[in-house]
Amino acid sequence: MTALTESQDARMTARQRMVLVLLLGSQFMLAVDFSILNVALPVIGSGLGFALADLQWVATTFALAAAGFTLLFGRVADLFGRRRLFLAGMALLGLSSLAGGLAASPATLLAARVAQGLATAIVTPAGLSLLTTSFREGPLRARALGLNGALMSAGFTSGAILGGLLTDLLSWRWAFLVNVPVAVAVLAAAPALLSESRPAQRPRMDLPGAATVTAGLLALVFGLTRAGEHGFADPAGLGGLAVGALLLVAFWFVERRASSPLVPVTILARASVKWGNLAGLAAFATETSLVFLMTLYLQKVLGYSALATGLAFGVLGLGTVLGGVVAPRVLSRLGTGRALAAGFAVQAVATASLALLGTGSGWIWLLLAATFIGGVGNMVAIVGFMVTATSGLPDSEQGLATGLATMTQQVGITMGIPIMSAVATAAMGSSVLRGVTVAVLVNALLTLAAGFVRTGRGR
């Protein structure tokens, strides 16, 4: 390939830029939804009459639906049309956000959160597969995925800031209602910009596979959530984890015998898909759980308010944005395998430095510097994971590949916090700082170990 051709391949058309803006905007909004209500939970509880013990279900119901149904809807998008699913999911997101913003009872709010989770499970894999099929494999796709990863990670961290600002200045209801105009704008622009794609001959839906994997993921997420709240000795949590593991094993055997499997075993056997998703699981589990640990440190050790804590994580958001911008260049120079290792190494060193944190207010500068640098490394690893997990596959399987990657992301987000919470609680004793320090070191070791994962695509 000549240098001129490579330059042309790396240049986006005007239409591709508009498609990118549309899809990145929708993915950013979905990422914000994961964390926007965390700061507002106490206000929601007093406003709608939630019992204190029931407040966690505002987040849990969303996570259950989002993680449990992602793989199913990713495959449905492949079979029935990605644009069609994307538009349906955005419509559901707008309606459920409106319902949540107008909710007058806990039951209505929880139903709205379930619907928001389902909308996320529909839109995220459909939007990612539209993104990967709009930009062919190579520099353009790496650049698009880099920007997507940066904005999604920034959305997770900025959600807390936005939720605090909206709650303080207006009302907690605006944490829901802010989605409505964005959803309407996306629904108005998407039909003209996005092309439909689906197979000429539609295979029969693998219902046994869909049932076992969806139920297995729901049980797994429920078990992890219960373990995070009540410890890993909790019978309900252990039962959920055991049932989830059994159903996922059953799913594997169902797929081996299905004539039109939901997830072909040949896909799962690909080195890029298998090892790429394992790296992604580690990337999301370690970084989101680190945010949890630093929240404990800022609020319980330094005495920061919820809003001040959210603002402190804005520096992490800046680091992830920078990481998303530089990641395509790192991948181009090092290859995906070495880029993943480099990203995890930077994240591990930055995380380990947080074990030096003390009780004085001056330690905030170490936290800000370390989370910024760690955010850069983590985002390089995340983009490497996304490129690896979606490369070498035909367009007809991109919905499945992005569904797997999205499921990995959401399970990683869900499992990281309960694991690190259990480590911190076990080591805490009478000192919150001691528990946080031990958990930070465990987090750094897990991150470093993830850097040795072989993707089968590195060079």
Protein backbone atom coordinates (compact mmCIF):
# COMPACT_ATOMS: atom_id res chain seq x y z
CA MET A 1 0.00 0.00 0.00
CA THR A 2 1.42 3.42 -0.92
CA ALA A 3 1.85 6.29 1.51
CA LEU A 4 -0.85 8.26 -0.37
CA THR A 5 -3.35 5.42 -0.02
CA GLU A 6 -2.57 5.04 3.69
CA SER A 7 -3.10 8.77 4.16
CA GLN A 8 -6.45 8.60 2.39
CA ASP A 9 -7.48 5.56 4.46
CA ALA A 10 -6.76 7.49 7.65
CA ARG A 11 -8.92 10.47 6.61
CA MET A 12 -12.62 10.66 7.53
CA THR A 13 -15.25 11.87 5.11
CA ALA A 14 -17.71 14.57 6.16
CA ARG A 15 -20.45 11.96 6.49
CA GLN A 16 -18.24 9.74 8.66
CA ARG A 17 -17.57 12.70 10.95
CA MET A 18 -21.31 13.31 11.38
CA VAL A 19 -21.89 9.59 12.04
CA LEU A 20 -19.07 9.66 14.59
CA VAL A 21 -20.51 12.68 16.41
CA LEU A 22 -23.96 11.08 16.52
CA LEU A 23 -22.75 7.71 17.83
CA LEU A 24 -20.23 9.16 20.27
CA GLY A 25 -22.86 11.50 21.67
CA SER A 26 -25.24 8.63 22.33
CA GLN A 27 -22.52 6.46 23.92
CA PHE A 28 -21.42 9.34 26.15
CA MET A 29 -25.00 9.83 27.35
CA LEU A 30 -25.28 6.13 28.19
CA ALA A 31 -22.00 6.24 30.15
CA VAL A 32 -23.22 9.25 32.13
CA ASP A 33 -26.36 7.30 33.09
CA PHE A 34 -24.23 4.74 34.94
CA SER A 35 -23.12 7.27 37.56
CA ILE A 36 -25.33 10.35 37.33
CA LEU A 37 -27.69 9.25 40.11
CA ASN A 38 -25.07 8.17 42.66
CA VAL A 39 -24.69 11.62 44.22
CA ALA A 40 -28.46 12.21 44.11
CA LEU A 41 -29.49 8.97 45.85
CA PRO A 42 -30.03 10.46 49.36
CA VAL A 43 -32.14 13.28 47.89
CA ILE A 44 -34.17 10.79 45.82
CA GLY A 45 -34.73 8.70 48.93
CA SER A 46 -36.15 11.57 50.95
CA GLY A 47 -38.14 12.91 48.01
CA LEU A 48 -39.91 9.65 47.08
CA GLY A 49 -39.94 7.86 50.43
CA PHE A 50 -37.34 5.17 49.73
CA ALA A 51 -36.17 3.23 52.77
CA LEU A 52 -32.42 3.67 53.24
CA ALA A 53 -31.78 -0.05 52.65
CA ASP A 54 -33.71 0.07 49.36
CA LEU A 55 -31.81 2.97 47.78
CA GLN A 56 -29.16 0.67 46.31
CA TRP A 57 -31.82 -0.84 44.04
CA VAL A 58 -31.87 2.39 42.04
CA ALA A 59 -28.40 1.45 40.80
CA THR A 60 -28.79 -2.34 41.00
CA THR A 61 -31.90 -2.61 38.79
CA PHE A 62 -30.15 -0.59 36.10
CA ALA A 63 -26.99 -2.76 36.27
CA LEU A 64 -28.98 -6.00 36.18
CA ALA A 65 -30.85 -5.06 33.01
CA ALA A 66 -27.85 -3.44 31.29
CA ALA A 67 -25.45 -6.33 31.88
CA GLY A 68 -27.94 -9.18 31.62
CA PHE A 69 -29.40 -8.36 28.22
CA THR A 70 -26.44 -6.83 26.36
CA LEU A 71 -25.22 -10.01 24.67
CA LEU A 72 -28.75 -10.97 23.59
CA PHE A 73 -29.49 -7.59 22.02
CA GLY A 74 -26.06 -7.44 20.38
CA ARG A 75 -26.93 -10.60 18.47
CA VAL A 76 -30.50 -9.44 17.79
CA ALA A 77 -29.00 -6.32 16.18
CA ASP A 78 -26.92 -8.53 13.86
CA LEU A 79 -30.01 -10.47 12.79
CA PHE A 80 -32.77 -7.87 12.66
CA GLY A 81 -30.93 -4.66 11.82
CA ARG A 82 -28.51 -2.52 13.83
CA ARG A 83 -30.05 0.83 12.94
CA ARG A 84 -33.52 -0.48 13.77
CA LEU A 85 -32.37 -1.68 17.22
CA PHE A 86 -30.40 1.52 17.81
CA LEU A 87 -33.46 3.69 17.12
CA ALA A 88 -35.74 1.49 19.24
CA GLY A 89 -33.28 1.65 22.13
CA MET A 90 -32.95 5.44 21.92
CA ALA A 91 -36.75 5.80 21.91
CA LEU A 92 -36.97 3.56 25.00
CA LEU A 93 -34.21 5.58 26.69
CA GLY A 94 -36.06 8.85 26.07
CA LEU A 95 -39.39 7.48 27.34
CA SER A 96 -37.89 5.78 30.41
CA SER A 97 -35.92 8.92 31.31
CA LEU A 98 -39.10 10.97 31.07
CA ALA A 99 -40.90 8.45 33.29
CA GLY A 100 -38.08 8.55 35.83
CA GLY A 101 -38.05 12.32 35.91
CA LEU A 102 -41.81 12.44 36.53
CA ALA A 103 -41.91 9.47 38.96
CA ALA A 104 -44.09 9.95 42.03
CA SER A 105 -43.36 6.62 43.76
CA PRO A 106 -40.41 4.26 44.33
CA ALA A 107 -42.02 1.56 42.14
CA THR A 108 -42.31 3.92 39.16
CA LEU A 109 -38.71 5.08 39.55
CA LEU A 110 -37.39 1.51 39.73
CA ALA A 111 -39.42 0.51 36.67
CA ALA A 112 -37.91 3.49 34.82
CA ARG A 113 -34.40 2.38 35.85
CA VAL A 114 -35.04 -1.14 34.55
CA ALA A 115 -36.20 0.35 31.24
CA GLN A 116 -33.10 2.58 31.12
CA GLY A 117 -30.93 -0.49 31.68
CA LEU A 118 -32.71 -2.34 28.86
CA ALA A 119 -32.25 0.69 26.60
CA THR A 120 -28.53 0.69 27.41
CA ALA A 121 -28.34 -3.04 26.61
CA ILE A 122 -29.93 -2.32 23.22
CA VAL A 123 -28.17 0.90 22.22
CA THR A 124 -24.60 0.19 23.37
CA PRO A 125 -23.83 -2.91 21.24
CA ALA A 126 -25.93 -1.64 18.32
CA GLY A 127 -24.15 1.72 18.41
CA LEU A 128 -20.71 0.13 18.70
CA SER A 129 -21.38 -2.26 15.81
CA LEU A 130 -22.60 0.68 13.70
CA LEU A 131 -19.36 2.42 14.61
CA THR A 132 -17.11 -0.52 13.68
CA THR A 133 -18.95 -1.17 10.39
CA SER A 134 -18.84 2.54 9.46
CA PHE A 135 -15.02 2.56 9.75
CA ARG A 136 -13.12 -0.32 8.22
CA GLU A 137 -10.45 -2.13 10.20
CA GLY A 138 -7.28 -0.08 10.48
CA PRO A 139 -6.28 3.46 11.56
CA LEU A 140 -9.75 4.96 11.13
CA ARG A 141 -11.44 2.33 13.26
CA ALA A 142 -8.74 2.61 15.93
CA ARG A 143 -9.21 6.37 15.96
CA ALA A 144 -13.01 6.09 16.22
CA LEU A 145 -12.79 3.50 19.01
CA GLY A 146 -10.22 5.63 20.80
CA LEU A 147 -12.54 8.64 20.82
CA ASN A 148 -15.44 6.41 21.82
CA GLY A 149 -13.51 4.93 24.73
CA ALA A 150 -12.35 8.36 25.89
CA LEU A 151 -15.86 9.80 25.89
CA MET A 152 -17.40 6.75 27.57
CA SER A 153 -14.81 6.78 30.35
CA ALA A 154 -15.19 10.54 30.71
CA GLY A 155 -18.94 9.96 30.93
CA PHE A 156 -18.52 7.61 33.89
CA THR A 157 -16.50 10.19 35.82
CA SER A 158 -18.43 13.29 34.71
CA GLY A 159 -21.77 11.65 35.55
CA ALA A 160 -21.11 12.19 39.26
CA ILE A 161 -20.24 15.85 38.65
CA LEU A 162 -23.28 16.45 36.46
CA GLY A 163 -25.56 14.63 38.90
CA GLY A 164 -24.31 16.79 41.78
CA LEU A 165 -24.71 20.03 39.85
CA LEU A 166 -28.20 19.21 38.57
CA THR A 167 -29.34 18.09 42.02
CA ASP A 168 -27.93 21.16 43.78
CA LEU A 169 -29.03 23.76 41.21
CA LEU A 170 -32.32 22.30 39.95
CA SER A 171 -33.67 18.94 41.15
CA TRP A 172 -32.70 15.27 41.11
CA ARG A 173 -35.41 14.84 38.47
CA TRP A 174 -33.17 16.59 35.95
CA ALA A 175 -30.67 13.72 36.26
CA PHE A 176 -33.33 11.79 34.31
CA LEU A 177 -34.87 14.57 32.21
CA VAL A 178 -31.53 15.70 30.74
CA ASN A 179 -31.60 12.56 28.55
CA VAL A 180 -34.89 13.41 26.86
CA PRO A 181 -33.79 16.23 24.50
CA VAL A 182 -30.60 14.32 23.62
CA ALA A 183 -32.62 11.20 22.72
CA VAL A 184 -35.00 13.27 20.59
CA ALA A 185 -32.09 14.90 18.73
CA VAL A 186 -30.46 11.51 18.05
CA LEU A 187 -33.77 10.04 16.81
CA ALA A 188 -34.22 13.02 14.47
CA ALA A 189 -30.72 12.80 12.95
CA ALA A 190 -30.01 9.05 12.92
CA PRO A 191 -32.32 7.90 10.07
CA ALA A 192 -30.58 10.20 7.59
CA LEU A 193 -27.02 9.38 8.70
CA LEU A 194 -27.01 5.69 9.60
CA SER A 195 -27.31 2.90 7.05
CA GLU A 196 -29.20 -0.28 7.88
CA SER A 197 -27.39 -3.59 7.84
CA ARG A 198 -28.75 -7.10 8.35
CA PRO A 199 -28.30 -10.47 6.63
CA ALA A 200 -30.23 -11.31 3.47
CA GLN A 201 -31.34 -14.60 5.05
CA ARG A 202 -32.24 -14.39 8.72
CA PRO A 203 -31.34 -17.53 10.73
CA ARG A 204 -33.64 -18.82 13.44
CA MET A 205 -33.13 -17.24 16.87
CA ASP A 206 -31.31 -19.44 19.39
CA LEU A 207 -33.88 -19.25 22.21
CA PRO A 208 -32.23 -21.80 24.59
CA GLY A 209 -28.92 -19.97 24.24
CA ALA A 210 -30.58 -16.58 24.78
CA ALA A 211 -32.39 -17.84 27.89
CA THR A 212 -29.36 -19.46 29.53
CA VAL A 213 -26.90 -16.62 28.91
CA THR A 214 -29.36 -13.88 29.92
CA ALA A 215 -30.42 -15.70 33.10
CA GLY A 216 -26.78 -16.56 33.85
CA LEU A 217 -25.64 -12.96 33.54
CA LEU A 218 -28.57 -11.70 35.62
CA ALA A 219 -27.72 -14.19 38.38
CA LEU A 220 -24.01 -13.32 38.19
CA VAL A 221 -24.58 -9.56 38.44
CA PHE A 222 -27.09 -10.05 41.26
CA GLY A 223 -24.61 -12.24 43.15
CA LEU A 224 -21.79 -9.73 42.73
CA THR A 225 -24.02 -6.86 43.83
CA ARG A 226 -25.19 -8.73 46.94
CA ALA A 227 -21.60 -9.69 47.76
CA GLY A 228 -20.55 -6.06 47.54
CA GLU A 229 -23.29 -5.01 49.96
CA HIS A 230 -23.27 -7.91 52.45
CA GLY A 231 -19.92 -9.65 51.93
CA PHE A 232 -19.02 -12.81 50.05
CA ALA A 233 -20.40 -14.98 52.88
CA ASP A 234 -23.94 -13.75 52.15
CA PRO A 235 -26.07 -16.81 51.18
CA ALA A 236 -28.07 -14.91 48.54
CA GLY A 237 -24.88 -13.57 46.98
CA LEU A 238 -23.20 -16.97 46.94
CA GLY A 239 -26.37 -18.54 45.52
CA GLY A 240 -26.53 -15.97 42.74
CA LEU A 241 -22.88 -16.53 41.81
CA ALA A 242 -23.31 -20.33 41.82
CA VAL A 243 -26.48 -20.23 39.72
CA GLY A 244 -24.87 -17.76 37.30
CA ALA A 245 -21.79 -19.96 36.87
CA LEU A 246 -23.91 -23.08 36.25
CA LEU A 247 -26.11 -21.32 33.69
CA LEU A 248 -23.10 -19.94 31.81
CA VAL A 249 -21.57 -23.43 31.67
CA ALA A 250 -24.93 -24.70 30.39
CA PHE A 251 -24.88 -21.89 27.80
CA TRP A 252 -21.51 -23.14 26.50
CA PHE A 253 -22.88 -26.65 25.94
CA VAL A 254 -26.09 -25.31 24.36
CA GLU A 255 -24.05 -23.26 21.87
CA ARG A 256 -21.91 -26.25 20.88
CA ARG A 257 -25.02 -28.15 19.76
CA ALA A 258 -27.18 -25.31 18.36
CA SER A 259 -27.66 -25.17 14.59
CA SER A 260 -27.80 -21.33 14.68
CA PRO A 261 -26.05 -20.45 17.95
CA LEU A 262 -26.44 -17.08 19.65
CA VAL A 263 -22.67 -17.04 20.11
CA PRO A 264 -20.84 -19.45 17.79
CA VAL A 265 -18.18 -21.39 19.72
CA THR A 266 -15.75 -20.62 16.89
CA ILE A 267 -16.02 -16.92 17.82
CA LEU A 268 -15.29 -17.60 21.48
CA ALA A 269 -12.31 -19.76 20.46
CA ARG A 270 -10.66 -16.88 18.54
CA ALA A 271 -7.57 -15.69 20.40
CA SER A 272 -8.35 -12.03 19.73
CA VAL A 273 -11.91 -12.31 21.08
CA LYS A 274 -10.98 -14.48 24.08
CA TRP A 275 -7.88 -12.68 25.31
CA GLY A 276 -9.08 -9.24 24.26
CA ASN A 277 -12.21 -9.59 26.40
CA LEU A 278 -10.19 -10.92 29.34
CA ALA A 279 -8.01 -7.82 29.16
CA GLY A 280 -11.11 -5.63 28.93
CA LEU A 281 -12.60 -7.29 32.01
CA ALA A 282 -9.45 -6.43 33.96
CA ALA A 283 -9.31 -2.86 32.62
CA PHE A 284 -12.85 -1.98 33.68
CA ALA A 285 -12.83 -3.92 36.97
CA THR A 286 -9.61 -2.33 38.22
CA GLU A 287 -10.32 1.28 37.25
CA THR A 288 -13.96 1.48 38.41
CA SER A 289 -13.07 -0.20 41.71
CA LEU A 290 -10.20 2.27 42.15
CA VAL A 291 -12.72 5.11 41.84
CA PHE A 292 -14.70 3.44 44.63
CA LEU A 293 -11.60 3.17 46.83
CA MET A 294 -10.62 6.79 46.23
CA THR A 295 -14.19 7.85 47.03
CA LEU A 296 -13.80 6.14 50.42
CA TYR A 297 -10.48 7.91 50.93
CA LEU A 298 -11.73 11.35 49.95
CA GLN A 299 -14.93 11.20 51.99
CA LYS A 300 -13.97 9.06 55.00
CA VAL A 301 -10.33 10.11 55.45
CA LEU A 302 -10.11 13.66 54.04
CA GLY A 303 -13.74 14.59 54.75
CA TYR A 304 -14.72 15.71 51.24
CA SER A 305 -18.37 16.23 50.32
CA ALA A 306 -20.00 14.14 47.59
CA LEU A 307 -19.86 17.03 45.11
CA ALA A 308 -16.22 17.84 45.92
CA THR A 309 -15.39 14.15 45.44
CA GLY A 310 -17.05 14.18 42.03
CA LEU A 311 -15.10 17.29 41.03
CA ALA A 312 -11.82 15.64 42.12
CA PHE A 313 -12.52 12.79 39.70
CA GLY A 314 -12.77 15.31 36.88
CA VAL A 315 -8.96 15.06 36.68
CA LEU A 316 -9.30 11.31 36.05
CA GLY A 317 -11.78 12.15 33.31
CA LEU A 318 -9.22 14.44 31.66
CA GLY A 319 -6.66 11.65 31.81
CA THR A 320 -9.00 9.22 30.08
CA VAL A 321 -9.79 11.75 27.35
CA LEU A 322 -6.05 12.23 26.72
CA GLY A 323 -5.60 8.45 26.75
CA GLY A 324 -8.32 8.03 24.13
CA VAL A 325 -6.68 10.63 21.89
CA VAL A 326 -3.16 9.14 22.08
CA ALA A 327 -4.22 5.47 22.10
CA PRO A 328 -4.49 5.07 18.29
CA ARG A 329 -0.91 6.34 17.89
CA VAL A 330 0.33 3.99 20.62
CA LEU A 331 -1.44 1.05 18.97
CA SER A 332 -0.05 1.98 15.58
CA ARG A 333 3.50 2.18 16.89
CA LEU A 334 3.53 -0.76 19.33
CA GLY A 335 0.80 -3.10 18.08
CA THR A 336 -2.21 -4.09 20.15
CA GLY A 337 -0.44 -6.61 22.41
CA ARG A 338 2.38 -4.29 23.43
CA ALA A 339 0.00 -1.33 23.70
CA LEU A 340 -2.19 -3.29 26.12
CA ALA A 341 0.85 -4.21 28.20
CA ALA A 342 2.14 -0.62 28.20
CA GLY A 343 -1.25 0.79 29.18
CA PHE A 344 -1.64 -1.67 32.06
CA ALA A 345 1.94 -1.02 33.21
CA VAL A 346 1.35 2.75 33.41
CA GLN A 347 -1.96 2.18 35.21
CA ALA A 348 -0.36 -0.26 37.68
CA VAL A 349 2.50 2.08 38.62
CA ALA A 350 0.12 5.03 39.05
CA THR A 351 -2.24 2.92 41.15
CA ALA A 352 0.56 1.55 43.36
CA SER A 353 1.70 5.11 44.15
CA LEU A 354 -1.69 5.73 45.81
CA ALA A 355 -0.64 3.35 48.61
CA LEU A 356 1.48 6.28 49.88
CA LEU A 357 -1.61 8.41 50.65
CA GLY A 358 -1.84 9.75 54.18
CA THR A 359 -4.34 11.62 56.35
CA GLY A 360 -3.18 15.15 55.56
CA SER A 361 -5.00 17.35 53.04
CA GLY A 362 -1.82 17.84 51.01
CA TRP A 363 -2.00 14.24 49.76
CA ILE A 364 -4.78 15.28 47.37
CA TRP A 365 -2.08 16.35 44.89
CA LEU A 366 -0.68 12.82 44.71
CA LEU A 367 -4.21 11.48 44.19
CA LEU A 368 -4.90 13.94 41.36
CA ALA A 369 -1.58 13.25 39.60
CA ALA A 370 -1.82 9.46 39.99
CA THR A 371 -5.44 9.21 38.82
CA PHE A 372 -4.68 11.42 35.81
CA ILE A 373 -1.68 9.29 34.73
CA GLY A 374 -3.49 6.06 35.55
CA GLY A 375 -6.47 7.24 33.51
CA VAL A 376 -4.24 7.69 30.46
CA GLY A 377 -2.82 4.17 30.83
CA ASN A 378 -6.23 2.63 31.49
CA MET A 379 -7.74 4.20 28.38
CA VAL A 380 -4.88 2.97 26.18
CA ALA A 381 -5.61 -0.53 27.52
CA ILE A 382 -9.36 -0.13 26.93
CA VAL A 383 -8.91 1.01 23.33
CA GLY A 384 -6.47 -1.87 22.79
CA PHE A 385 -9.10 -4.24 24.16
CA MET A 386 -11.86 -2.86 21.90
CA VAL A 387 -9.69 -2.97 18.77
CA THR A 388 -8.53 -6.50 19.57
CA ALA A 389 -11.98 -7.86 20.44
CA THR A 390 -13.58 -6.55 17.23
CA SER A 391 -10.78 -7.18 14.73
CA GLY A 392 -10.52 -10.01 12.20
CA LEU A 393 -14.30 -10.57 12.11
CA PRO A 394 -16.76 -10.04 9.22
CA ASP A 395 -19.31 -7.22 9.42
CA SER A 396 -22.05 -9.82 9.94
CA GLU A 397 -20.56 -10.67 13.35
CA GLN A 398 -19.73 -7.14 14.54
CA GLY A 399 -22.92 -6.88 16.61
CA LEU A 400 -21.97 -10.09 18.39
CA ALA A 401 -18.37 -8.94 18.91
CA THR A 402 -19.41 -5.55 20.27
CA GLY A 403 -22.11 -7.23 22.38
CA LEU A 404 -19.44 -9.45 23.94
CA ALA A 405 -17.17 -6.44 24.49
CA THR A 406 -20.00 -4.41 26.03
CA MET A 407 -20.97 -7.32 28.27
CA THR A 408 -17.33 -7.59 29.36
CA GLN A 409 -17.30 -3.88 30.15
CA GLN A 410 -20.47 -3.98 32.23
CA VAL A 411 -19.57 -7.17 34.11
CA GLY A 412 -16.14 -5.67 34.83
CA ILE A 413 -17.74 -2.50 36.21
CA THR A 414 -20.10 -4.61 38.33
CA MET A 415 -17.56 -7.10 39.70
CA GLY A 416 -14.67 -4.74 40.47
CA ILE A 417 -16.34 -2.80 43.27
CA PRO A 418 -17.58 -5.76 45.37
CA ILE A 419 -14.19 -7.48 45.14
CA MET A 420 -12.22 -4.40 46.19
CA SER A 421 -14.87 -3.56 48.81
CA ALA A 422 -14.41 -7.02 50.35
CA VAL A 423 -10.60 -6.63 50.35
CA ALA A 424 -10.79 -3.16 51.94
CA THR A 425 -13.31 -4.28 54.57
CA ALA A 426 -11.24 -7.33 55.53
CA ALA A 427 -8.09 -5.21 55.97
CA MET A 428 -9.75 -2.16 57.49
CA GLY A 429 -10.10 -2.93 61.19
CA SER A 430 -10.44 0.49 62.84
CA SER A 431 -8.63 2.37 60.08
CA VAL A 432 -10.31 3.20 56.77
CA LEU A 433 -6.97 4.32 55.36
CA ARG A 434 -5.37 0.93 56.06
CA GLY A 435 -8.17 -0.91 54.26
CA VAL A 436 -7.93 1.44 51.28
CA THR A 437 -4.14 1.05 51.13
CA VAL A 438 -4.26 -2.77 51.07
CA ALA A 439 -7.02 -2.76 48.44
CA VAL A 440 -5.05 -0.29 46.29
CA LEU A 441 -2.02 -2.59 46.32
CA VAL A 442 -4.19 -5.59 45.36
CA ASN A 443 -5.70 -3.49 42.57
CA ALA A 444 -2.22 -2.57 41.29
CA LEU A 445 -1.11 -6.22 41.30
CA LEU A 446 -4.20 -7.28 39.34
CA THR A 447 -3.56 -4.50 36.83
CA LEU A 448 0.07 -5.53 36.42
CA ALA A 449 -0.95 -9.17 35.93
CA ALA A 450 -3.43 -8.13 33.23
CA GLY A 451 -0.54 -6.64 31.27
CA PHE A 452 0.83 -10.13 30.68
CA VAL A 453 -2.34 -11.29 28.90
CA ARG A 454 -1.54 -12.40 25.34
CA THR A 455 -4.04 -11.13 22.82
CA GLY A 456 -2.81 -13.15 19.88
CA ARG A 457 -2.77 -9.91 17.88
CA GLY A 458 0.26 -8.12 19.30
CA ARG A 459 3.40 -7.64 17.32
